[in-house]
Amino acid sequence: MRGRALHHQILAVNAALVVTAVLAASVAARLDLSQLPESRQFLVLIAAILATVLVNGFVLRRRFAPLEELLATMERVDFATPGVRAIPMAADSEDVVRLRNAFNGMLDRLEHERSAGASAVLRAQEAERARLARDLHDEANQALTGVLLRLQASAHGAPPELAAELRETQELATQAMHELLQLARELRPTALDDHGLAAALRTQIERFGRQTGVAATLDLAAGLDDALDADGQLVTYRVVQESLSNVARHAQASTVHVEVRRRNGRAVVRIVDDGRGIDARSGQGLGLLGMRERALLAGGSLSVMSTPGRGTTVELTIGETRPGVPPPVAPRHPLVVEALTS
């Protein structure tokens, strides 16, 4: 009986007790049990036992229904899609109500602590990026500037054959300076701090188009900066940044469109390209895991839809929900790169 449902075990025990009680009552009444199978009383007795067991089973099933619903809710809980809670039922007993309230309270505490911890992780990551960006700009870049000035001074009095080599070295130093500045901007975008998310995305799209030659367009909803907190803006910027990097390195696309809309109080970001698509077996290596983790840390969700030869769509949903509106449940697992078919 160990592997059966609890209400089945109780029903079996109750049925055994009913039969035992009937037999004991028959013995106490000094009935001739050997004559019962041939009597009409035996049929009445069997019918009464069956009716008692059936009523008992119905009552047990009804009383255990809230507990089974609570167990089903526990199995559905996924911190990738927060907001799942056990709902009250009309047949709840006092013990089930206490269990449900304790379970919901535990979920509230876990999600709150996870949100606070995730926010701290995001801030620590961005603080480290900002420190690296400052070091690259203030130390490495200044050192290269000093090298460049020394090369320029040496080139003035150098023989012609040496001066040509020094000029080539100057060009390499200048290129290294530009690459360091570009890396520093990618590590910590100053436009995001100075002008907000909308301006940072415009700058990012324009720079991407100039550097790659891919026709890039941006469609922004009004009030985007007010819809997202600092963590949400950072995650949105990073997801767009990584998606555009994947387009440049892997997609072989001719166009890419970035769209940011507001839906049910949340920001929905879509990056759509017309490239060669993502192979579902190898797509997890294209920075998608990092984007997904960032989205989860900020309380969002990420889905990737791709058709081989017909492009890829990355969709990020992030931001606070309005009072009374539950967060949307992602229709597909965030880790899955879904290959769409026509």
C-alpha atoms as a PDB file:
ATOM      1  CA  MET A   1       0.000   0.000   0.000  1.00  0.00           C
ATOM      2  CA  ARG A   2       3.021   2.274   0.305  1.00  0.00           C
ATOM      3  CA  GLY A   3       3.003   3.194  -3.395  1.00  0.00           C
ATOM      4  CA  ARG A   4      -0.705   4.102  -3.549  1.00  0.00           C
ATOM      5  CA  ALA A   5      -2.353   7.470  -3.021  1.00  0.00           C
ATOM      6  CA  LEU A   6      -3.090   8.388   0.590  1.00  0.00           C
ATOM      7  CA  HIS A   7      -6.876   8.508   0.184  1.00  0.00           C
ATOM      8  CA  HIS A   8      -6.790   5.037  -1.441  1.00  0.00           C
ATOM      9  CA  GLN A   9      -4.895   3.687   1.550  1.00  0.00           C
ATOM     10  CA  ILE A  10      -7.371   5.240   3.996  1.00  0.00           C
ATOM     11  CA  LEU A  11     -10.305   3.896   1.957  1.00  0.00           C
ATOM     12  CA  ALA A  12      -8.834   0.384   2.029  1.00  0.00           C
ATOM     13  CA  VAL A  13      -8.316   0.573   5.799  1.00  0.00           C
ATOM     14  CA  ASN A  14     -11.852   1.916   6.330  1.00  0.00           C
ATOM     15  CA  ALA A  15     -13.325  -0.849   4.157  1.00  0.00           C
ATOM     16  CA  ALA A  16     -11.466  -3.481   6.172  1.00  0.00           C
ATOM     17  CA  LEU A  17     -12.713  -1.909   9.388  1.00  0.00           C
ATOM     18  CA  VAL A  18     -16.333  -1.862   8.122  1.00  0.00           C
ATOM     19  CA  VAL A  19     -16.204  -5.556   7.152  1.00  0.00           C
ATOM     20  CA  THR A  20     -14.577  -6.449  10.464  1.00  0.00           C
ATOM     21  CA  ALA A  21     -17.190  -4.486  12.391  1.00  0.00           C
ATOM     22  CA  VAL A  22     -20.063  -6.172  10.512  1.00  0.00           C
ATOM     23  CA  LEU A  23     -18.619  -9.628  11.139  1.00  0.00           C
ATOM     24  CA  ALA A  24     -18.070  -8.797  14.804  1.00  0.00           C
ATOM     25  CA  ALA A  25     -21.658  -7.550  15.110  1.00  0.00           C
ATOM     26  CA  SER A  26     -22.930 -10.736  13.489  1.00  0.00           C
ATOM     27  CA  VAL A  27     -20.999 -12.873  15.929  1.00  0.00           C
ATOM     28  CA  ALA A  28     -22.228 -10.774  18.841  1.00  0.00           C
ATOM     29  CA  ALA A  29     -25.820 -11.252  17.638  1.00  0.00           C
ATOM     30  CA  ARG A  30     -25.192 -15.034  17.517  1.00  0.00           C
ATOM     31  CA  LEU A  31     -26.066 -15.250  13.835  1.00  0.00           C
ATOM     32  CA  ASP A  32     -25.308 -18.463  12.004  1.00  0.00           C
ATOM     33  CA  LEU A  33     -22.715 -17.211   9.496  1.00  0.00           C
ATOM     34  CA  SER A  34     -22.871 -20.475   7.527  1.00  0.00           C
ATOM     35  CA  GLN A  35     -26.533 -19.820   6.697  1.00  0.00           C
ATOM     36  CA  LEU A  36     -26.076 -16.159   5.705  1.00  0.00           C
ATOM     37  CA  PRO A  37     -25.010 -16.729   2.052  1.00  0.00           C
ATOM     38  CA  GLU A  38     -28.346 -18.470   1.423  1.00  0.00           C
ATOM     39  CA  SER A  39     -30.463 -15.836   3.173  1.00  0.00           C
ATOM     40  CA  ARG A  40     -31.891 -12.558   2.025  1.00  0.00           C
ATOM     41  CA  GLN A  41     -30.171 -10.853   4.917  1.00  0.00           C
ATOM     42  CA  PHE A  42     -26.803 -11.646   3.377  1.00  0.00           C
ATOM     43  CA  LEU A  43     -27.616  -9.628   0.223  1.00  0.00           C
ATOM     44  CA  VAL A  44     -28.787  -6.711   2.341  1.00  0.00           C
ATOM     45  CA  LEU A  45     -25.609  -6.932   4.391  1.00  0.00           C
ATOM     46  CA  ILE A  46     -23.356  -6.951   1.312  1.00  0.00           C
ATOM     47  CA  ALA A  47     -25.260  -3.991  -0.198  1.00  0.00           C
ATOM     48  CA  ALA A  48     -24.884  -2.032   3.030  1.00  0.00           C
ATOM     49  CA  ILE A  49     -21.148  -2.710   3.141  1.00  0.00           C
ATOM     50  CA  LEU A  50     -20.674  -1.628  -0.498  1.00  0.00           C
ATOM     51  CA  ALA A  51     -22.761   1.500   0.034  1.00  0.00           C
ATOM     52  CA  THR A  52     -20.728   2.396   3.109  1.00  0.00           C
ATOM     53  CA  VAL A  53     -17.437   1.922   1.268  1.00  0.00           C
ATOM     54  CA  LEU A  54     -18.617   3.958  -1.752  1.00  0.00           C
ATOM     55  CA  VAL A  55     -19.861   6.844   0.394  1.00  0.00           C
ATOM     56  CA  ASN A  56     -16.619   6.721   2.351  1.00  0.00           C
ATOM     57  CA  GLY A  57     -14.603   6.831  -0.875  1.00  0.00           C
ATOM     58  CA  PHE A  58     -16.596   9.790  -2.200  1.00  0.00           C
ATOM     59  CA  VAL A  59     -16.151  11.732   1.030  1.00  0.00           C
ATOM     60  CA  LEU A  60     -12.436  10.962   1.182  1.00  0.00           C
ATOM     61  CA  ARG A  61     -11.884  11.980  -2.440  1.00  0.00           C
ATOM     62  CA  ARG A  62     -13.690  15.265  -1.873  1.00  0.00           C
ATOM     63  CA  ARG A  63     -11.780  16.012   1.324  1.00  0.00           C
ATOM     64  CA  PHE A  64      -8.423  15.169  -0.273  1.00  0.00           C
ATOM     65  CA  ALA A  65      -9.076  17.216  -3.444  1.00  0.00           C
ATOM     66  CA  PRO A  66      -7.629  20.471  -1.974  1.00  0.00           C
ATOM     67  CA  LEU A  67      -4.498  18.619  -0.919  1.00  0.00           C
ATOM     68  CA  GLU A  68      -4.056  17.136  -4.407  1.00  0.00           C
ATOM     69  CA  GLU A  69      -4.533  20.587  -5.947  1.00  0.00           C
ATOM     70  CA  LEU A  70      -1.892  21.953  -3.579  1.00  0.00           C
ATOM     71  CA  LEU A  71       0.508  19.181  -4.619  1.00  0.00           C
ATOM     72  CA  ALA A  72      -0.149  19.954  -8.293  1.00  0.00           C
ATOM     73  CA  THR A  73       0.663  23.625  -7.627  1.00  0.00           C
ATOM     74  CA  MET A  74       3.915  22.645  -5.922  1.00  0.00           C
ATOM     75  CA  GLU A  75       4.899  20.646  -9.004  1.00  0.00           C
ATOM     76  CA  ARG A  76       4.169  23.642 -11.265  1.00  0.00           C
ATOM     77  CA  VAL A  77       6.360  26.065  -9.331  1.00  0.00           C
ATOM     78  CA  ASP A  78       9.234  27.354 -11.453  1.00  0.00           C
ATOM     79  CA  PHE A  79      11.307  30.343 -10.379  1.00  0.00           C
ATOM     80  CA  ALA A  80      11.850  31.174 -14.039  1.00  0.00           C
ATOM     81  CA  THR A  81       8.159  32.196 -14.100  1.00  0.00           C
ATOM     82  CA  PRO A  82       7.427  33.605 -10.624  1.00  0.00           C
ATOM     83  CA  GLY A  83       3.947  34.339  -9.313  1.00  0.00           C
ATOM     84  CA  VAL A  84       2.544  30.787  -9.120  1.00  0.00           C
ATOM     85  CA  ARG A  85       0.509  30.419  -5.922  1.00  0.00           C
ATOM     86  CA  ALA A  86      -1.876  27.883  -4.402  1.00  0.00           C
ATOM     87  CA  ILE A  87      -5.458  29.154  -4.635  1.00  0.00           C
ATOM     88  CA  PRO A  88      -8.153  28.533  -1.996  1.00  0.00           C
ATOM     89  CA  MET A  89     -10.828  25.903  -2.584  1.00  0.00           C
ATOM     90  CA  ALA A  90     -14.314  25.631  -1.108  1.00  0.00           C
ATOM     91  CA  ALA A  91     -13.622  22.266   0.516  1.00  0.00           C
ATOM     92  CA  ASP A  92     -10.442  23.377   2.288  1.00  0.00           C
ATOM     93  CA  SER A  93     -10.087  22.117   5.839  1.00  0.00           C
ATOM     94  CA  GLU A  94      -8.301  24.076   8.536  1.00  0.00           C
ATOM     95  CA  ASP A  95      -5.150  22.000   8.157  1.00  0.00           C
ATOM     96  CA  VAL A  96      -5.081  22.434   4.375  1.00  0.00           C
ATOM     97  CA  VAL A  97      -5.599  26.193   4.766  1.00  0.00           C
ATOM     98  CA  ARG A  98      -2.630  26.362   7.132  1.00  0.00           C
ATOM     99  CA  LEU A  99      -0.510  24.273   4.752  1.00  0.00           C
ATOM    100  CA  ARG A 100      -1.489  26.396   1.748  1.00  0.00           C
ATOM    101  CA  ASN A 101      -0.765  29.661   3.573  1.00  0.00           C
ATOM    102  CA  ALA A 102       2.590  28.338   4.764  1.00  0.00           C
ATOM    103  CA  PHE A 103       3.476  27.238   1.231  1.00  0.00           C
ATOM    104  CA  ASN A 104       2.491  30.592  -0.309  1.00  0.00           C
ATOM    105  CA  GLY A 105       4.396  32.435   2.404  1.00  0.00           C
ATOM    106  CA  MET A 106       7.476  30.330   1.718  1.00  0.00           C
ATOM    107  CA  LEU A 107       7.248  31.172  -1.999  1.00  0.00           C
ATOM    108  CA  ASP A 108       6.907  34.880  -1.190  1.00  0.00           C
ATOM    109  CA  ARG A 109      10.050  34.781   0.946  1.00  0.00           C
ATOM    110  CA  LEU A 110      12.031  32.771  -1.593  1.00  0.00           C
ATOM    111  CA  GLU A 111      11.089  35.047  -4.487  1.00  0.00           C
ATOM    112  CA  HIS A 112      11.838  38.163  -2.429  1.00  0.00           C
ATOM    113  CA  GLU A 113      15.238  36.847  -1.360  1.00  0.00           C
ATOM    114  CA  ARG A 114      15.998  35.676  -4.875  1.00  0.00           C
ATOM    115  CA  SER A 115      15.068  39.075  -6.271  1.00  0.00           C
ATOM    116  CA  ALA A 116      17.240  40.877  -3.718  1.00  0.00           C
ATOM    117  CA  GLY A 117      20.147  38.528  -4.354  1.00  0.00           C
ATOM    118  CA  ALA A 118      19.763  38.825  -8.115  1.00  0.00           C
ATOM    119  CA  SER A 119      19.776  42.597  -7.896  1.00  0.00           C
ATOM    120  CA  ALA A 120      22.986  42.475  -5.857  1.00  0.00           C
ATOM    121  CA  VAL A 121      24.578  40.133  -8.421  1.00  0.00           C
ATOM    122  CA  LEU A 122      23.664  42.434 -11.304  1.00  0.00           C
ATOM    123  CA  ARG A 123      25.037  45.474  -9.502  1.00  0.00           C
ATOM    124  CA  ALA A 124      28.248  43.635  -8.656  1.00  0.00           C
ATOM    125  CA  GLN A 125      28.696  42.572 -12.285  1.00  0.00           C
ATOM    126  CA  GLU A 126      28.139  46.087 -13.561  1.00  0.00           C
ATOM    127  CA  ALA A 127      30.406  47.581 -10.885  1.00  0.00           C
ATOM    128  CA  GLU A 128      33.196  45.245 -12.004  1.00  0.00           C
ATOM    129  CA  ARG A 129      32.561  46.159 -15.637  1.00  0.00           C
ATOM    130  CA  ALA A 130      32.706  49.858 -14.722  1.00  0.00           C
ATOM    131  CA  ARG A 131      35.995  49.347 -12.877  1.00  0.00           C
ATOM    132  CA  LEU A 132      37.524  47.516 -15.848  1.00  0.00           C
ATOM    133  CA  ALA A 133      36.298  50.220 -18.199  1.00  0.00           C
ATOM    134  CA  ARG A 134      37.903  52.923 -16.041  1.00  0.00           C
ATOM    135  CA  ASP A 135      41.159  50.990 -15.853  1.00  0.00           C
ATOM    136  CA  LEU A 136      41.251  50.539 -19.619  1.00  0.00           C
ATOM    137  CA  HIS A 137      40.498  54.199 -20.217  1.00  0.00           C
ATOM    138  CA  ASP A 138      42.626  55.748 -17.510  1.00  0.00           C
ATOM    139  CA  GLU A 139      45.642  53.434 -17.370  1.00  0.00           C
ATOM    140  CA  ALA A 140      46.007  51.312 -20.499  1.00  0.00           C
ATOM    141  CA  ASN A 141      44.845  54.081 -22.804  1.00  0.00           C
ATOM    142  CA  GLN A 142      47.111  56.651 -21.153  1.00  0.00           C
ATOM    143  CA  ALA A 143      50.065  54.294 -21.428  1.00  0.00           C
ATOM    144  CA  LEU A 144      49.375  53.852 -25.145  1.00  0.00           C
ATOM    145  CA  THR A 145      49.094  57.615 -25.505  1.00  0.00           C
ATOM    146  CA  GLY A 146      52.548  57.978 -23.949  1.00  0.00           C
ATOM    147  CA  VAL A 147      53.930  55.337 -26.319  1.00  0.00           C
ATOM    148  CA  LEU A 148      52.378  57.149 -29.274  1.00  0.00           C
ATOM    149  CA  LEU A 149      53.923  60.489 -28.259  1.00  0.00           C
ATOM    150  CA  ARG A 150      57.348  58.881 -27.871  1.00  0.00           C
ATOM    151  CA  LEU A 151      57.013  57.316 -31.312  1.00  0.00           C
ATOM    152  CA  GLN A 152      56.092  60.661 -32.838  1.00  0.00           C
ATOM    153  CA  ALA A 153      59.107  62.322 -31.196  1.00  0.00           C
ATOM    154  CA  SER A 154      61.426  59.541 -32.363  1.00  0.00           C
ATOM    155  CA  ALA A 155      60.116  59.721 -35.923  1.00  0.00           C
ATOM    156  CA  HIS A 156      61.190  63.355 -36.352  1.00  0.00           C
ATOM    157  CA  GLY A 157      64.946  62.741 -36.294  1.00  0.00           C
ATOM    158  CA  ALA A 158      64.947  59.141 -37.481  1.00  0.00           C
ATOM    159  CA  PRO A 159      66.456  57.996 -40.810  1.00  0.00           C
ATOM    160  CA  PRO A 160      63.922  57.541 -43.648  1.00  0.00           C
ATOM    161  CA  GLU A 161      63.949  53.739 -43.480  1.00  0.00           C
ATOM    162  CA  LEU A 162      63.362  53.811 -39.703  1.00  0.00           C
ATOM    163  CA  ALA A 163      60.780  56.610 -39.901  1.00  0.00           C
ATOM    164  CA  ALA A 164      58.523  54.429 -42.069  1.00  0.00           C
ATOM    165  CA  GLU A 165      58.590  51.646 -39.490  1.00  0.00           C
ATOM    166  CA  LEU A 166      57.880  54.133 -36.708  1.00  0.00           C
ATOM    167  CA  ARG A 167      54.854  55.478 -38.587  1.00  0.00           C
ATOM    168  CA  GLU A 168      53.516  51.923 -38.952  1.00  0.00           C
ATOM    169  CA  THR A 169      54.016  51.412 -35.233  1.00  0.00           C
ATOM    170  CA  GLN A 170      52.161  54.683 -34.591  1.00  0.00           C
ATOM    171  CA  GLU A 171      49.237  53.438 -36.663  1.00  0.00           C
ATOM    172  CA  LEU A 172      49.167  50.182 -34.711  1.00  0.00           C
ATOM    173  CA  ALA A 173      49.239  52.103 -31.413  1.00  0.00           C
ATOM    174  CA  THR A 174      46.421  54.369 -32.606  1.00  0.00           C
ATOM    175  CA  GLN A 175      44.357  51.341 -33.642  1.00  0.00           C
ATOM    176  CA  ALA A 176      44.964  49.734 -30.250  1.00  0.00           C
ATOM    177  CA  MET A 177      43.791  52.935 -28.538  1.00  0.00           C
ATOM    178  CA  HIS A 178      40.566  52.956 -30.548  1.00  0.00           C
ATOM    179  CA  GLU A 179      39.939  49.288 -29.783  1.00  0.00           C
ATOM    180  CA  LEU A 180      40.499  49.870 -26.069  1.00  0.00           C
ATOM    181  CA  LEU A 181      38.081  52.792 -26.077  1.00  0.00           C
ATOM    182  CA  GLN A 182      35.520  50.677 -27.929  1.00  0.00           C
ATOM    183  CA  LEU A 183      35.973  47.859 -25.395  1.00  0.00           C
ATOM    184  CA  ALA A 184      35.580  50.316 -22.509  1.00  0.00           C
ATOM    185  CA  ARG A 185      32.336  51.635 -24.021  1.00  0.00           C
ATOM    186  CA  GLU A 186      31.006  48.087 -24.391  1.00  0.00           C
ATOM    187  CA  LEU A 187      31.925  47.213 -20.819  1.00  0.00           C
ATOM    188  CA  ARG A 188      30.066  50.198 -19.417  1.00  0.00           C
ATOM    189  CA  PRO A 189      28.033  52.329 -21.859  1.00  0.00           C
ATOM    190  CA  THR A 190      28.299  55.972 -20.814  1.00  0.00           C
ATOM    191  CA  ALA A 191      25.194  56.834 -22.838  1.00  0.00           C
ATOM    192  CA  LEU A 192      23.104  54.601 -20.560  1.00  0.00           C
ATOM    193  CA  ASP A 193      24.282  56.448 -17.457  1.00  0.00           C
ATOM    194  CA  ASP A 194      24.136  59.928 -18.962  1.00  0.00           C
ATOM    195  CA  HIS A 195      21.064  59.868 -21.226  1.00  0.00           C
ATOM    196  CA  GLY A 196      18.976  56.791 -20.375  1.00  0.00           C
ATOM    197  CA  LEU A 197      18.046  53.547 -22.111  1.00  0.00           C
ATOM    198  CA  ALA A 198      16.300  55.019 -25.168  1.00  0.00           C
ATOM    199  CA  ALA A 199      19.290  57.164 -26.119  1.00  0.00           C
ATOM    200  CA  ALA A 200      21.725  54.313 -25.401  1.00  0.00           C
ATOM    201  CA  LEU A 201      19.807  51.945 -27.683  1.00  0.00           C
ATOM    202  CA  ARG A 202      19.723  54.517 -30.493  1.00  0.00           C
ATOM    203  CA  THR A 203      23.468  55.022 -30.182  1.00  0.00           C
ATOM    204  CA  GLN A 204      24.037  51.276 -30.126  1.00  0.00           C
ATOM    205  CA  ILE A 205      21.923  50.629 -33.233  1.00  0.00           C
ATOM    206  CA  GLU A 206      23.557  53.470 -35.185  1.00  0.00           C
ATOM    207  CA  ARG A 207      27.068  52.269 -34.295  1.00  0.00           C
ATOM    208  CA  PHE A 208      26.158  48.676 -35.182  1.00  0.00           C
ATOM    209  CA  GLY A 209      24.895  49.740 -38.603  1.00  0.00           C
ATOM    210  CA  ARG A 210      28.036  51.765 -39.349  1.00  0.00           C
ATOM    211  CA  GLN A 211      30.451  49.063 -38.251  1.00  0.00           C
ATOM    212  CA  THR A 212      28.776  46.033 -39.856  1.00  0.00           C
ATOM    213  CA  GLY A 213      26.957  47.452 -42.887  1.00  0.00           C
ATOM    214  CA  VAL A 214      23.778  45.634 -41.786  1.00  0.00           C
ATOM    215  CA  ALA A 215      20.620  47.715 -42.207  1.00  0.00           C
ATOM    216  CA  ALA A 216      19.567  48.184 -38.554  1.00  0.00           C
ATOM    217  CA  THR A 217      16.319  49.867 -37.486  1.00  0.00           C
ATOM    218  CA  LEU A 218      14.900  50.708 -34.058  1.00  0.00           C
ATOM    219  CA  ASP A 219      11.279  51.134 -32.971  1.00  0.00           C
ATOM    220  CA  LEU A 220      10.906  52.453 -29.415  1.00  0.00           C
ATOM    221  CA  ALA A 221       7.769  52.889 -27.343  1.00  0.00           C
ATOM    222  CA  ALA A 222       7.283  56.153 -25.479  1.00  0.00           C
ATOM    223  CA  GLY A 223       8.141  56.265 -21.776  1.00  0.00           C
ATOM    224  CA  LEU A 224      10.579  53.372 -21.913  1.00  0.00           C
ATOM    225  CA  ASP A 225      12.941  54.805 -19.281  1.00  0.00           C
ATOM    226  CA  ASP A 226      10.077  55.160 -16.797  1.00  0.00           C
ATOM    227  CA  ALA A 227       8.848  51.584 -17.363  1.00  0.00           C
ATOM    228  CA  LEU A 228      12.106  49.917 -16.228  1.00  0.00           C
ATOM    229  CA  ASP A 229      14.243  50.268 -13.135  1.00  0.00           C
ATOM    230  CA  ALA A 230      18.036  50.467 -13.294  1.00  0.00           C
ATOM    231  CA  ASP A 231      18.462  46.677 -13.348  1.00  0.00           C
ATOM    232  CA  GLY A 232      15.851  46.273 -16.078  1.00  0.00           C
ATOM    233  CA  GLN A 233      17.496  48.931 -18.235  1.00  0.00           C
ATOM    234  CA  LEU A 234      20.887  47.272 -17.866  1.00  0.00           C
ATOM    235  CA  VAL A 235      19.547  43.835 -18.773  1.00  0.00           C
ATOM    236  CA  THR A 236      17.649  45.231 -21.766  1.00  0.00           C
ATOM    237  CA  TYR A 237      20.760  46.989 -23.045  1.00  0.00           C
ATOM    238  CA  ARG A 238      22.928  43.889 -22.561  1.00  0.00           C
ATOM    239  CA  VAL A 239      20.470  41.553 -24.284  1.00  0.00           C
ATOM    240  CA  VAL A 240      20.236  43.875 -27.292  1.00  0.00           C
ATOM    241  CA  GLN A 241      24.024  44.213 -27.289  1.00  0.00           C
ATOM    242  CA  GLU A 242      24.613  40.451 -27.229  1.00  0.00           C
ATOM    243  CA  SER A 243      21.912  39.800 -29.837  1.00  0.00           C
ATOM    244  CA  LEU A 244      23.444  42.329 -32.224  1.00  0.00           C
ATOM    245  CA  SER A 245      26.862  40.782 -31.614  1.00  0.00           C
ATOM    246  CA  ASN A 246      25.461  37.366 -32.560  1.00  0.00           C
ATOM    247  CA  VAL A 247      23.940  38.861 -35.708  1.00  0.00           C
ATOM    248  CA  ALA A 248      27.277  40.381 -36.705  1.00  0.00           C
ATOM    249  CA  ARG A 249      29.311  37.230 -36.023  1.00  0.00           C
ATOM    250  CA  HIS A 250      27.013  34.370 -36.975  1.00  0.00           C
ATOM    251  CA  ALA A 251      23.759  35.338 -38.676  1.00  0.00           C
ATOM    252  CA  GLN A 252      25.031  36.612 -42.057  1.00  0.00           C
ATOM    253  CA  ALA A 253      21.965  38.866 -42.056  1.00  0.00           C
ATOM    254  CA  SER A 254      21.256  41.856 -44.279  1.00  0.00           C
ATOM    255  CA  THR A 255      18.702  43.503 -41.945  1.00  0.00           C
ATOM    256  CA  VAL A 256      17.980  43.539 -38.229  1.00  0.00           C
ATOM    257  CA  HIS A 257      15.061  45.212 -36.486  1.00  0.00           C
ATOM    258  CA  VAL A 258      14.899  46.035 -32.770  1.00  0.00           C
ATOM    259  CA  GLU A 259      11.465  46.746 -31.329  1.00  0.00           C
ATOM    260  CA  VAL A 260      10.645  47.759 -27.759  1.00  0.00           C
ATOM    261  CA  ARG A 261       6.987  47.791 -26.697  1.00  0.00           C
ATOM    262  CA  ARG A 262       5.047  47.937 -23.429  1.00  0.00           C
ATOM    263  CA  ARG A 263       2.610  45.118 -22.669  1.00  0.00           C
ATOM    264  CA  ASN A 264       0.671  44.742 -19.410  1.00  0.00           C
ATOM    265  CA  GLY A 265       3.048  47.084 -17.637  1.00  0.00           C
ATOM    266  CA  ARG A 266       6.159  45.233 -18.828  1.00  0.00           C
ATOM    267  CA  ALA A 267       8.700  45.949 -21.547  1.00  0.00           C
ATOM    268  CA  VAL A 268       8.848  43.494 -24.445  1.00  0.00           C
ATOM    269  CA  VAL A 269      12.027  43.678 -26.537  1.00  0.00           C
ATOM    270  CA  ARG A 270      12.258  41.856 -29.869  1.00  0.00           C
ATOM    271  CA  ILE A 271      15.414  41.576 -31.986  1.00  0.00           C
ATOM    272  CA  VAL A 272      14.561  40.162 -35.411  1.00  0.00           C
ATOM    273  CA  ASP A 273      17.074  39.398 -38.174  1.00  0.00           C
ATOM    274  CA  ASP A 274      16.789  37.771 -41.613  1.00  0.00           C
ATOM    275  CA  GLY A 275      19.957  35.699 -41.304  1.00  0.00           C
ATOM    276  CA  ARG A 276      20.622  31.996 -41.583  1.00  0.00           C
ATOM    277  CA  GLY A 277      18.978  31.113 -38.268  1.00  0.00           C
ATOM    278  CA  ILE A 278      20.254  29.075 -35.334  1.00  0.00           C
ATOM    279  CA  ASP A 279      20.812  25.352 -35.182  1.00  0.00           C
ATOM    280  CA  ALA A 280      18.869  24.151 -32.133  1.00  0.00           C
ATOM    281  CA  ARG A 281      21.671  21.698 -31.274  1.00  0.00           C
ATOM    282  CA  SER A 282      24.415  24.331 -31.138  1.00  0.00           C
ATOM    283  CA  GLY A 283      22.480  27.537 -30.460  1.00  0.00           C
ATOM    284  CA  GLN A 284      23.216  27.533 -26.737  1.00  0.00           C
ATOM    285  CA  GLY A 285      26.809  28.562 -27.411  1.00  0.00           C
ATOM    286  CA  LEU A 286      25.883  31.921 -28.957  1.00  0.00           C
ATOM    287  CA  GLY A 287      25.627  33.835 -25.692  1.00  0.00           C
ATOM    288  CA  LEU A 288      22.016  32.737 -25.181  1.00  0.00           C
ATOM    289  CA  LEU A 289      22.715  31.191 -21.787  1.00  0.00           C
ATOM    290  CA  GLY A 290      24.240  34.432 -20.548  1.00  0.00           C
ATOM    291  CA  MET A 291      21.290  36.449 -21.824  1.00  0.00           C
ATOM    292  CA  ARG A 292      18.856  34.055 -20.209  1.00  0.00           C
ATOM    293  CA  GLU A 293      20.636  34.259 -16.851  1.00  0.00           C
ATOM    294  CA  ARG A 294      20.607  38.046 -16.975  1.00  0.00           C
ATOM    295  CA  ALA A 295      16.904  38.060 -17.758  1.00  0.00           C
ATOM    296  CA  LEU A 296      16.136  35.668 -14.892  1.00  0.00           C
ATOM    297  CA  LEU A 297      18.228  37.689 -12.437  1.00  0.00           C
ATOM    298  CA  ALA A 298      16.159  40.790 -13.278  1.00  0.00           C
ATOM    299  CA  GLY A 299      12.838  38.923 -13.042  1.00  0.00           C
ATOM    300  CA  GLY A 300      12.334  38.611 -16.797  1.00  0.00           C
ATOM    301  CA  SER A 301      12.194  35.816 -19.335  1.00  0.00           C
ATOM    302  CA  LEU A 302      13.944  35.194 -22.643  1.00  0.00           C
ATOM    303  CA  SER A 303      12.774  33.132 -25.594  1.00  0.00           C
ATOM    304  CA  VAL A 304      14.513  32.451 -28.895  1.00  0.00           C
ATOM    305  CA  MET A 305      12.654  31.471 -32.068  1.00  0.00           C
ATOM    306  CA  SER A 306      14.622  30.515 -35.138  1.00  0.00           C
ATOM    307  CA  THR A 307      14.025  28.976 -38.553  1.00  0.00           C
ATOM    308  CA  PRO A 308      17.095  27.710 -40.441  1.00  0.00           C
ATOM    309  CA  GLY A 309      17.589  30.018 -43.405  1.00  0.00           C
ATOM    310  CA  ARG A 310      14.805  32.392 -42.329  1.00  0.00           C
ATOM    311  CA  GLY A 311      16.251  34.357 -39.456  1.00  0.00           C
ATOM    312  CA  THR A 312      16.044  34.500 -35.682  1.00  0.00           C
ATOM    313  CA  THR A 313      13.858  36.347 -33.193  1.00  0.00           C
ATOM    314  CA  VAL A 314      15.044  37.006 -29.636  1.00  0.00           C
ATOM    315  CA  GLU A 315      12.301  38.192 -27.287  1.00  0.00           C
ATOM    316  CA  LEU A 316      12.900  39.591 -23.814  1.00  0.00           C
ATOM    317  CA  THR A 317      10.046  40.316 -21.409  1.00  0.00           C
ATOM    318  CA  ILE A 318      11.064  42.331 -18.368  1.00  0.00           C
ATOM    319  CA  GLY A 319       9.818  44.949 -15.937  1.00  0.00           C
ATOM    320  CA  GLU A 320       7.339  45.355 -13.125  1.00  0.00           C
ATOM    321  CA  THR A 321       3.772  44.127 -13.466  1.00  0.00           C
ATOM    322  CA  ARG A 322       0.758  46.271 -12.718  1.00  0.00           C
ATOM    323  CA  PRO A 323      -1.199  45.588  -9.501  1.00  0.00           C
ATOM    324  CA  GLY A 324      -3.541  42.667 -10.003  1.00  0.00           C
ATOM    325  CA  VAL A 325      -1.925  41.543 -13.256  1.00  0.00           C
ATOM    326  CA  PRO A 326       0.110  38.317 -12.923  1.00  0.00           C
ATOM    327  CA  PRO A 327       3.360  38.017 -14.833  1.00  0.00           C
ATOM    328  CA  PRO A 328       2.966  36.280 -18.182  1.00  0.00           C
ATOM    329  CA  VAL A 329       3.948  32.633 -18.315  1.00  0.00           C
ATOM    330  CA  ALA A 330       6.476  31.936 -21.026  1.00  0.00           C
ATOM    331  CA  PRO A 331       4.972  29.590 -23.642  1.00  0.00           C
ATOM    332  CA  ARG A 332       8.289  27.815 -24.111  1.00  0.00           C
ATOM    333  CA  HIS A 333      11.238  27.020 -21.870  1.00  0.00           C
ATOM    334  CA  PRO A 334      13.737  29.909 -21.914  1.00  0.00           C
ATOM    335  CA  LEU A 335      16.643  27.559 -22.576  1.00  0.00           C
ATOM    336  CA  VAL A 336      15.105  26.056 -25.691  1.00  0.00           C
ATOM    337  CA  VAL A 337      15.962  27.443 -29.093  1.00  0.00           C
ATOM    338  CA  GLU A 338      12.787  26.601 -30.951  1.00  0.00           C
ATOM    339  CA  ALA A 339      13.142  25.806 -34.626  1.00  0.00           C
ATOM    340  CA  LEU A 340      10.006  27.145 -36.293  1.00  0.00           C
ATOM    341  CA  THR A 341       8.599  25.393 -39.323  1.00  0.00           C
ATOM    342  CA  SER A 342       6.572  26.906 -42.110  1.00  0.00           C
END
